[in-house]
Amino acid sequence: MTVNNIGPADYRLLYDLHTHTTYSHGKGSVEDNVRQAMEKGLGYIAISDHGPGHIFYGVNRNDLPNLKRDIEKMNVKFPKLQVKMSVEANTIHGGNGLDIRPEEFDQFDFVIAGFHFGLFGCSSIGNWLWSHGWKRGEEKLRKKNTEMIIHALRSNDIAILTHPGDKGPFDIKAIAEVCAETNTLMEINCRHDHLTVEEIRMAMEVEDVKFILSSDAHVPEAVGECGSGLKRAIEAGLDLSRIVNIVKKDDVK
């Protein structure tokens, strides 16, 4: 779907800040992702493996120095592409609201975060049941989930809130207001369906909130592939200047 004859093919992605490798749940190496980013003409890429609190595929804290060395090697090997070290932290109740401790933030160029199953202290079972059709207690769960996200946003410097609305009920408008307050980008994820078209419409009512497209690549070939998210943004009627990492091809010199 296009608006005013403008579609995804008219835009170019500048950078992709949400990609995974074999250090967590991805299928490719750091170099595999970087090579894909180079081939697709990106300016920079971030390796943002899952936070260490995830039971099944969180990054091992002991591997972080090795990950950092891999990224440093890529910045030497491919000087035309900037490679950043990030982490997709997991939101939880209590503490600072994340499975990344405040003193660990300095290990990363920036931190992104989102809700996932597979952790203690984040209503995983209730949200899993809700996502599989068990809607009893939905409003109570929505309130609890929303408070969890807002607490994490206000307690940490989070660059991007990943796939808001995924895996459970959330108050997207309330979360968008806090994202604007904390200068946190709301992600339109191109692996998951969130933000959905309707969620984009809810969030864009908050004047100061900005958005970002991310591949959430778990295989190297998916790096930089964000057309599905851009289609949702266009369908929602979002002013595309509010997406920070795209540019209209006609504007590229």
C-alpha atoms as a PDB file:
ATOM      1  CA  MET A   1       0.000   0.000   0.000  1.00  0.00           C
ATOM      2  CA  THR A   2       1.237   3.492  -0.794  1.00  0.00           C
ATOM      3  CA  VAL A   3       0.232   6.967   0.259  1.00  0.00           C
ATOM      4  CA  ASN A   4       0.494   9.784  -2.282  1.00  0.00           C
ATOM      5  CA  ASN A   5       2.226   7.297  -4.610  1.00  0.00           C
ATOM      6  CA  ILE A   6       5.110   6.876  -2.143  1.00  0.00           C
ATOM      7  CA  GLY A   7       6.120   3.332  -1.206  1.00  0.00           C
ATOM      8  CA  PRO A   8       8.948   1.424   0.503  1.00  0.00           C
ATOM      9  CA  ALA A   9      10.982   1.286  -2.705  1.00  0.00           C
ATOM     10  CA  ASP A  10      11.299   5.077  -2.607  1.00  0.00           C
ATOM     11  CA  TYR A  11      13.323   4.986   0.627  1.00  0.00           C
ATOM     12  CA  ARG A  12      16.739   3.748   1.649  1.00  0.00           C
ATOM     13  CA  LEU A  13      17.697   2.366   5.062  1.00  0.00           C
ATOM     14  CA  LEU A  14      20.671   4.185   6.591  1.00  0.00           C
ATOM     15  CA  TYR A  15      21.515   1.829   9.454  1.00  0.00           C
ATOM     16  CA  ASP A  16      20.272  -1.252  11.284  1.00  0.00           C
ATOM     17  CA  LEU A  17      20.725  -1.268  15.058  1.00  0.00           C
ATOM     18  CA  HIS A  18      19.040  -4.563  15.963  1.00  0.00           C
ATOM     19  CA  THR A  19      20.827  -7.682  14.702  1.00  0.00           C
ATOM     20  CA  HIS A  20      21.730 -10.976  16.381  1.00  0.00           C
ATOM     21  CA  THR A  21      24.645 -13.387  16.033  1.00  0.00           C
ATOM     22  CA  THR A  22      25.707 -16.800  17.303  1.00  0.00           C
ATOM     23  CA  TYR A  23      26.589 -15.112  20.595  1.00  0.00           C
ATOM     24  CA  SER A  24      22.870 -15.408  21.391  1.00  0.00           C
ATOM     25  CA  HIS A  25      20.012 -16.493  19.124  1.00  0.00           C
ATOM     26  CA  GLY A  26      21.419 -15.646  15.694  1.00  0.00           C
ATOM     27  CA  LYS A  27      22.694 -18.020  13.029  1.00  0.00           C
ATOM     28  CA  GLY A  28      25.610 -15.980  11.690  1.00  0.00           C
ATOM     29  CA  SER A  29      28.833 -14.498  13.005  1.00  0.00           C
ATOM     30  CA  VAL A  30      29.567 -10.832  13.613  1.00  0.00           C
ATOM     31  CA  GLU A  31      31.445 -10.757  10.308  1.00  0.00           C
ATOM     32  CA  ASP A  32      28.531 -12.395   8.477  1.00  0.00           C
ATOM     33  CA  ASN A  33      26.224  -9.589   9.618  1.00  0.00           C
ATOM     34  CA  VAL A  34      28.778  -6.916   8.821  1.00  0.00           C
ATOM     35  CA  ARG A  35      29.329  -8.222   5.300  1.00  0.00           C
ATOM     36  CA  GLN A  36      25.592  -8.122   4.678  1.00  0.00           C
ATOM     37  CA  ALA A  37      25.434  -4.547   5.944  1.00  0.00           C
ATOM     38  CA  MET A  38      28.256  -3.610   3.569  1.00  0.00           C
ATOM     39  CA  GLU A  39      26.553  -5.266   0.606  1.00  0.00           C
ATOM     40  CA  LYS A  40      23.326  -3.404   1.362  1.00  0.00           C
ATOM     41  CA  GLY A  41      25.030  -0.024   1.611  1.00  0.00           C
ATOM     42  CA  LEU A  42      24.361   0.670   5.276  1.00  0.00           C
ATOM     43  CA  GLY A  43      26.357   3.339   7.091  1.00  0.00           C
ATOM     44  CA  TYR A  44      26.597   1.366  10.292  1.00  0.00           C
ATOM     45  CA  ILE A  45      25.248  -1.665  12.063  1.00  0.00           C
ATOM     46  CA  ALA A  46      24.874  -2.747  15.662  1.00  0.00           C
ATOM     47  CA  ILE A  47      25.317  -6.205  17.088  1.00  0.00           C
ATOM     48  CA  SER A  48      22.639  -6.389  19.772  1.00  0.00           C
ATOM     49  CA  ASP A  49      22.459  -9.910  21.079  1.00  0.00           C
ATOM     50  CA  HIS A  50      19.875 -10.937  23.662  1.00  0.00           C
ATOM     51  CA  GLY A  51      20.465  -9.895  27.267  1.00  0.00           C
ATOM     52  CA  PRO A  52      22.097 -12.401  29.621  1.00  0.00           C
ATOM     53  CA  GLY A  53      19.003 -12.986  31.725  1.00  0.00           C
ATOM     54  CA  HIS A  54      17.239 -14.957  29.035  1.00  0.00           C
ATOM     55  CA  ILE A  55      17.186 -18.615  30.080  1.00  0.00           C
ATOM     56  CA  PHE A  56      17.388 -20.089  26.594  1.00  0.00           C
ATOM     57  CA  TYR A  57      19.423 -17.767  24.379  1.00  0.00           C
ATOM     58  CA  GLY A  58      20.825 -14.873  26.346  1.00  0.00           C
ATOM     59  CA  VAL A  59      24.410 -13.831  25.678  1.00  0.00           C
ATOM     60  CA  ASN A  60      26.891 -15.230  28.195  1.00  0.00           C
ATOM     61  CA  ARG A  61      28.412 -12.398  30.212  1.00  0.00           C
ATOM     62  CA  ASN A  62      31.787 -14.150  29.937  1.00  0.00           C
ATOM     63  CA  ASP A  63      31.564 -13.860  26.154  1.00  0.00           C
ATOM     64  CA  LEU A  64      31.184 -10.085  26.102  1.00  0.00           C
ATOM     65  CA  PRO A  65      34.972  -9.426  25.849  1.00  0.00           C
ATOM     66  CA  ASN A  66      35.130 -11.815  22.879  1.00  0.00           C
ATOM     67  CA  LEU A  67      32.178 -10.092  21.237  1.00  0.00           C
ATOM     68  CA  LYS A  68      33.842  -6.739  21.755  1.00  0.00           C
ATOM     69  CA  ARG A  69      37.065  -8.005  20.148  1.00  0.00           C
ATOM     70  CA  ASP A  70      35.125  -9.321  17.159  1.00  0.00           C
ATOM     71  CA  ILE A  71      33.492  -5.927  16.691  1.00  0.00           C
ATOM     72  CA  GLU A  72      36.810  -4.092  17.008  1.00  0.00           C
ATOM     73  CA  LYS A  73      38.276  -6.369  14.342  1.00  0.00           C
ATOM     74  CA  MET A  74      35.404  -5.554  11.997  1.00  0.00           C
ATOM     75  CA  ASN A  75      35.924  -1.827  12.461  1.00  0.00           C
ATOM     76  CA  VAL A  76      39.551  -2.299  11.367  1.00  0.00           C
ATOM     77  CA  LYS A  77      38.739  -4.691   8.517  1.00  0.00           C
ATOM     78  CA  PHE A  78      35.835  -2.614   7.153  1.00  0.00           C
ATOM     79  CA  PRO A  79      36.717   1.021   7.929  1.00  0.00           C
ATOM     80  CA  LYS A  80      33.919   2.385   5.742  1.00  0.00           C
ATOM     81  CA  LEU A  81      31.287   0.795   7.974  1.00  0.00           C
ATOM     82  CA  GLN A  82      30.852   1.583  11.663  1.00  0.00           C
ATOM     83  CA  VAL A  83      30.074  -1.472  13.790  1.00  0.00           C
ATOM     84  CA  LYS A  84      28.540  -0.781  17.202  1.00  0.00           C
ATOM     85  CA  MET A  85      28.250  -3.046  20.223  1.00  0.00           C
ATOM     86  CA  SER A  86      24.816  -3.110  21.809  1.00  0.00           C
ATOM     87  CA  VAL A  87      22.622  -5.575  23.673  1.00  0.00           C
ATOM     88  CA  GLU A  88      18.899  -6.233  23.560  1.00  0.00           C
ATOM     89  CA  ALA A  89      18.250  -6.209  27.273  1.00  0.00           C
ATOM     90  CA  ASN A  90      15.153  -7.894  28.666  1.00  0.00           C
ATOM     91  CA  THR A  91      12.587  -5.962  30.672  1.00  0.00           C
ATOM     92  CA  ILE A  92      11.695  -7.331  34.091  1.00  0.00           C
ATOM     93  CA  HIS A  93       9.866  -6.183  37.219  1.00  0.00           C
ATOM     94  CA  GLY A  94      11.920  -4.716  40.058  1.00  0.00           C
ATOM     95  CA  GLY A  95      15.470  -3.454  40.311  1.00  0.00           C
ATOM     96  CA  ASN A  96      16.412  -1.226  37.417  1.00  0.00           C
ATOM     97  CA  GLY A  97      13.865  -3.040  35.253  1.00  0.00           C
ATOM     98  CA  LEU A  98      16.398  -4.810  33.021  1.00  0.00           C
ATOM     99  CA  ASP A  99      18.598  -7.894  33.058  1.00  0.00           C
ATOM    100  CA  ILE A 100      21.567  -5.573  32.387  1.00  0.00           C
ATOM    101  CA  ARG A 101      22.897  -4.051  35.587  1.00  0.00           C
ATOM    102  CA  PRO A 102      23.566  -0.274  35.678  1.00  0.00           C
ATOM    103  CA  GLU A 103      27.319  -0.836  36.055  1.00  0.00           C
ATOM    104  CA  GLU A 104      27.328  -2.939  32.867  1.00  0.00           C
ATOM    105  CA  PHE A 105      26.046  -0.173  30.589  1.00  0.00           C
ATOM    106  CA  ASP A 106      29.586   1.107  29.961  1.00  0.00           C
ATOM    107  CA  GLN A 107      30.410  -2.120  28.129  1.00  0.00           C
ATOM    108  CA  PHE A 108      28.097  -1.112  25.281  1.00  0.00           C
ATOM    109  CA  ASP A 109      27.900   1.776  22.851  1.00  0.00           C
ATOM    110  CA  PHE A 110      24.198   1.902  23.691  1.00  0.00           C
ATOM    111  CA  VAL A 111      21.509  -0.401  25.089  1.00  0.00           C
ATOM    112  CA  ILE A 112      18.219  -1.376  23.490  1.00  0.00           C
ATOM    113  CA  ALA A 113      15.529  -3.297  25.360  1.00  0.00           C
ATOM    114  CA  GLY A 114      12.241  -5.115  24.984  1.00  0.00           C
ATOM    115  CA  PHE A 115       9.944  -7.694  26.496  1.00  0.00           C
ATOM    116  CA  HIS A 116      10.569 -11.413  25.891  1.00  0.00           C
ATOM    117  CA  PHE A 117       9.394 -14.703  27.291  1.00  0.00           C
ATOM    118  CA  GLY A 118      12.005 -16.888  28.950  1.00  0.00           C
ATOM    119  CA  LEU A 119      12.900 -14.871  32.030  1.00  0.00           C
ATOM    120  CA  PHE A 120      11.844 -14.857  35.633  1.00  0.00           C
ATOM    121  CA  GLY A 121      10.150 -11.754  37.010  1.00  0.00           C
ATOM    122  CA  CYS A 122       8.295 -10.549  33.931  1.00  0.00           C
ATOM    123  CA  SER A 123       5.003 -12.495  33.975  1.00  0.00           C
ATOM    124  CA  SER A 124       6.276 -14.804  31.227  1.00  0.00           C
ATOM    125  CA  ILE A 125       3.686 -17.496  31.881  1.00  0.00           C
ATOM    126  CA  GLY A 126       0.762 -15.095  32.000  1.00  0.00           C
ATOM    127  CA  ASN A 127       1.869 -13.350  28.833  1.00  0.00           C
ATOM    128  CA  TRP A 128       2.536 -16.628  27.041  1.00  0.00           C
ATOM    129  CA  LEU A 129      -0.965 -17.820  27.928  1.00  0.00           C
ATOM    130  CA  TRP A 130      -2.453 -14.488  26.798  1.00  0.00           C
ATOM    131  CA  SER A 131      -0.618 -14.673  23.466  1.00  0.00           C
ATOM    132  CA  HIS A 132      -2.034 -18.164  22.967  1.00  0.00           C
ATOM    133  CA  GLY A 133      -5.623 -17.107  23.525  1.00  0.00           C
ATOM    134  CA  TRP A 134      -6.119 -17.109  27.331  1.00  0.00           C
ATOM    135  CA  LYS A 135      -7.494 -13.603  27.856  1.00  0.00           C
ATOM    136  CA  ARG A 136      -8.671 -13.897  31.473  1.00  0.00           C
ATOM    137  CA  GLY A 137      -7.178 -11.094  33.560  1.00  0.00           C
ATOM    138  CA  GLU A 138      -6.138  -9.159  30.455  1.00  0.00           C
ATOM    139  CA  GLU A 139      -6.520  -5.668  31.885  1.00  0.00           C
ATOM    140  CA  LYS A 140      -4.588  -6.531  35.038  1.00  0.00           C
ATOM    141  CA  LEU A 141      -1.814  -8.013  32.890  1.00  0.00           C
ATOM    142  CA  ARG A 142      -1.820  -4.963  30.604  1.00  0.00           C
ATOM    143  CA  LYS A 143      -1.386  -2.660  33.585  1.00  0.00           C
ATOM    144  CA  LYS A 144       1.429  -4.785  35.008  1.00  0.00           C
ATOM    145  CA  ASN A 145       3.221  -5.041  31.643  1.00  0.00           C
ATOM    146  CA  THR A 146       2.913  -1.333  30.987  1.00  0.00           C
ATOM    147  CA  GLU A 147       4.271  -0.469  34.433  1.00  0.00           C
ATOM    148  CA  MET A 148       7.220  -2.803  33.792  1.00  0.00           C
ATOM    149  CA  ILE A 149       8.119  -1.052  30.525  1.00  0.00           C
ATOM    150  CA  ILE A 150       7.689   2.440  31.948  1.00  0.00           C
ATOM    151  CA  HIS A 151       9.840   1.581  34.963  1.00  0.00           C
ATOM    152  CA  ALA A 152      12.611   0.273  32.697  1.00  0.00           C
ATOM    153  CA  LEU A 153      12.450   3.368  30.483  1.00  0.00           C
ATOM    154  CA  ARG A 154      12.628   5.805  33.387  1.00  0.00           C
ATOM    155  CA  SER A 155      15.341   3.866  35.248  1.00  0.00           C
ATOM    156  CA  ASN A 156      17.792   3.442  32.360  1.00  0.00           C
ATOM    157  CA  ASP A 157      19.192   5.142  29.288  1.00  0.00           C
ATOM    158  CA  ILE A 158      17.495   2.958  26.666  1.00  0.00           C
ATOM    159  CA  ALA A 159      18.140   3.962  23.070  1.00  0.00           C
ATOM    160  CA  ILE A 160      15.413   1.828  21.473  1.00  0.00           C
ATOM    161  CA  LEU A 161      12.343   0.072  22.846  1.00  0.00           C
ATOM    162  CA  THR A 162      12.183  -3.081  20.730  1.00  0.00           C
ATOM    163  CA  HIS A 163       8.968  -4.448  19.191  1.00  0.00           C
ATOM    164  CA  PRO A 164       6.589  -2.650  21.633  1.00  0.00           C
ATOM    165  CA  GLY A 165       3.334  -4.558  22.028  1.00  0.00           C
ATOM    166  CA  ASP A 166       4.791  -7.944  21.169  1.00  0.00           C
ATOM    167  CA  LYS A 167       4.020 -11.054  23.264  1.00  0.00           C
ATOM    168  CA  GLY A 168       1.500  -9.485  25.634  1.00  0.00           C
ATOM    169  CA  PRO A 169      -1.047  -6.698  26.228  1.00  0.00           C
ATOM    170  CA  PHE A 170       0.442  -3.207  26.652  1.00  0.00           C
ATOM    171  CA  ASP A 171      -0.851   0.363  26.777  1.00  0.00           C
ATOM    172  CA  ILE A 172       0.991   1.643  23.703  1.00  0.00           C
ATOM    173  CA  LYS A 173      -0.125   5.268  24.084  1.00  0.00           C
ATOM    174  CA  ALA A 174       1.140   5.447  27.683  1.00  0.00           C
ATOM    175  CA  ILE A 175       4.430   3.811  26.680  1.00  0.00           C
ATOM    176  CA  ALA A 176       4.822   6.213  23.748  1.00  0.00           C
ATOM    177  CA  GLU A 177       4.412   9.177  26.092  1.00  0.00           C
ATOM    178  CA  VAL A 178       7.281   7.918  28.255  1.00  0.00           C
ATOM    179  CA  CYS A 179       9.415   7.144  25.183  1.00  0.00           C
ATOM    180  CA  ALA A 180       9.006  10.793  24.175  1.00  0.00           C
ATOM    181  CA  GLU A 181       9.885  11.857  27.722  1.00  0.00           C
ATOM    182  CA  THR A 182      13.030   9.686  27.825  1.00  0.00           C
ATOM    183  CA  ASN A 183      14.049  10.250  24.187  1.00  0.00           C
ATOM    184  CA  THR A 184      13.718   6.521  23.460  1.00  0.00           C
ATOM    185  CA  LEU A 185      13.021   5.447  19.891  1.00  0.00           C
ATOM    186  CA  MET A 186      10.042   3.165  19.329  1.00  0.00           C
ATOM    187  CA  GLU A 187      10.945   0.300  17.055  1.00  0.00           C
ATOM    188  CA  ILE A 188       8.940  -0.834  14.059  1.00  0.00           C
ATOM    189  CA  ASN A 189      10.282  -4.358  13.943  1.00  0.00           C
ATOM    190  CA  CYS A 190      10.572  -6.172  10.636  1.00  0.00           C
ATOM    191  CA  ARG A 191      10.803  -9.698  12.060  1.00  0.00           C
ATOM    192  CA  HIS A 192       7.849  -9.358  14.411  1.00  0.00           C
ATOM    193  CA  ASP A 193       4.565  -7.608  13.542  1.00  0.00           C
ATOM    194  CA  HIS A 194       4.977  -4.922  16.218  1.00  0.00           C
ATOM    195  CA  LEU A 195       4.505  -2.122  16.186  1.00  0.00           C
ATOM    196  CA  THR A 196       1.376  -3.087  14.252  1.00  0.00           C
ATOM    197  CA  VAL A 197      -0.391  -0.604  11.984  1.00  0.00           C
ATOM    198  CA  GLU A 198      -2.872   0.189  14.758  1.00  0.00           C
ATOM    199  CA  GLU A 199      -0.104   0.492  17.360  1.00  0.00           C
ATOM    200  CA  ILE A 200       1.789   2.921  15.116  1.00  0.00           C
ATOM    201  CA  ARG A 201      -1.361   5.014  14.906  1.00  0.00           C
ATOM    202  CA  MET A 202      -1.660   5.012  18.700  1.00  0.00           C
ATOM    203  CA  ALA A 203       1.989   5.923  19.239  1.00  0.00           C
ATOM    204  CA  MET A 204       2.165   8.637  16.587  1.00  0.00           C
ATOM    205  CA  GLU A 205      -0.520  10.592  18.461  1.00  0.00           C
ATOM    206  CA  VAL A 206       2.311  11.478  20.856  1.00  0.00           C
ATOM    207  CA  GLU A 207       3.847  14.397  19.040  1.00  0.00           C
ATOM    208  CA  ASP A 208       7.470  14.076  20.147  1.00  0.00           C
ATOM    209  CA  VAL A 209       7.963  10.321  19.833  1.00  0.00           C
ATOM    210  CA  LYS A 210      10.343   9.106  17.114  1.00  0.00           C
ATOM    211  CA  PHE A 211      10.516   5.732  15.420  1.00  0.00           C
ATOM    212  CA  ILE A 212      13.187   3.434  14.010  1.00  0.00           C
ATOM    213  CA  LEU A 213      13.061   0.502  11.614  1.00  0.00           C
ATOM    214  CA  SER A 214      15.016  -2.607  12.607  1.00  0.00           C
ATOM    215  CA  SER A 215      15.496  -5.950  10.907  1.00  0.00           C
ATOM    216  CA  ASP A 216      15.900  -7.886  14.179  1.00  0.00           C
ATOM    217  CA  ALA A 217      17.961 -10.155  11.953  1.00  0.00           C
ATOM    218  CA  HIS A 218      18.552 -13.664  13.286  1.00  0.00           C
ATOM    219  CA  VAL A 219      20.145 -14.756  10.003  1.00  0.00           C
ATOM    220  CA  PRO A 220      22.702 -12.644   8.123  1.00  0.00           C
ATOM    221  CA  GLU A 221      20.555 -12.364   4.986  1.00  0.00           C
ATOM    222  CA  ALA A 222      17.914 -10.472   6.963  1.00  0.00           C
ATOM    223  CA  VAL A 223      20.280  -7.637   7.954  1.00  0.00           C
ATOM    224  CA  GLY A 224      18.964  -4.373   6.536  1.00  0.00           C
ATOM    225  CA  GLU A 225      15.679  -5.895   5.369  1.00  0.00           C
ATOM    226  CA  CYS A 226      13.046  -3.497   6.690  1.00  0.00           C
ATOM    227  CA  GLY A 227      10.485  -3.207   3.904  1.00  0.00           C
ATOM    228  CA  SER A 228       7.676  -4.870   5.846  1.00  0.00           C
ATOM    229  CA  GLY A 229       7.955  -2.385   8.694  1.00  0.00           C
ATOM    230  CA  LEU A 230       8.027   0.559   6.329  1.00  0.00           C
ATOM    231  CA  LYS A 231       4.875  -0.738   4.640  1.00  0.00           C
ATOM    232  CA  ARG A 232       3.119  -0.763   8.024  1.00  0.00           C
ATOM    233  CA  ALA A 233       4.268   2.784   8.739  1.00  0.00           C
ATOM    234  CA  ILE A 234       2.934   3.982   5.387  1.00  0.00           C
ATOM    235  CA  GLU A 235      -0.378   2.191   5.915  1.00  0.00           C
ATOM    236  CA  ALA A 236      -0.683   3.791   9.351  1.00  0.00           C
ATOM    237  CA  GLY A 237      -0.225   7.231   7.820  1.00  0.00           C
ATOM    238  CA  LEU A 238       2.918   7.988   9.810  1.00  0.00           C
ATOM    239  CA  ASP A 239       4.892  11.048   8.763  1.00  0.00           C
ATOM    240  CA  LEU A 240       7.974   9.178   7.548  1.00  0.00           C
ATOM    241  CA  SER A 241      10.281  11.991   8.646  1.00  0.00           C
ATOM    242  CA  ARG A 242       9.661  10.645  12.174  1.00  0.00           C
ATOM    243  CA  ILE A 243      11.551   7.446  11.270  1.00  0.00           C
ATOM    244  CA  VAL A 244      15.160   8.306  12.051  1.00  0.00           C
ATOM    245  CA  ASN A 245      16.993   5.776   9.879  1.00  0.00           C
ATOM    246  CA  ILE A 246      15.469   6.152   6.434  1.00  0.00           C
ATOM    247  CA  VAL A 247      15.991   8.707   3.706  1.00  0.00           C
ATOM    248  CA  LYS A 248      14.078   9.325   0.494  1.00  0.00           C
ATOM    249  CA  LYS A 249      16.188   8.123  -2.395  1.00  0.00           C
ATOM    250  CA  ASP A 250      15.574  11.359  -4.323  1.00  0.00           C
ATOM    251  CA  ASP A 251      17.242  13.248  -1.457  1.00  0.00           C
ATOM    252  CA  VAL A 252      20.460  11.192  -1.624  1.00  0.00           C
ATOM    253  CA  LYS A 253      23.190  13.043  -3.468  1.00  0.00           C
END
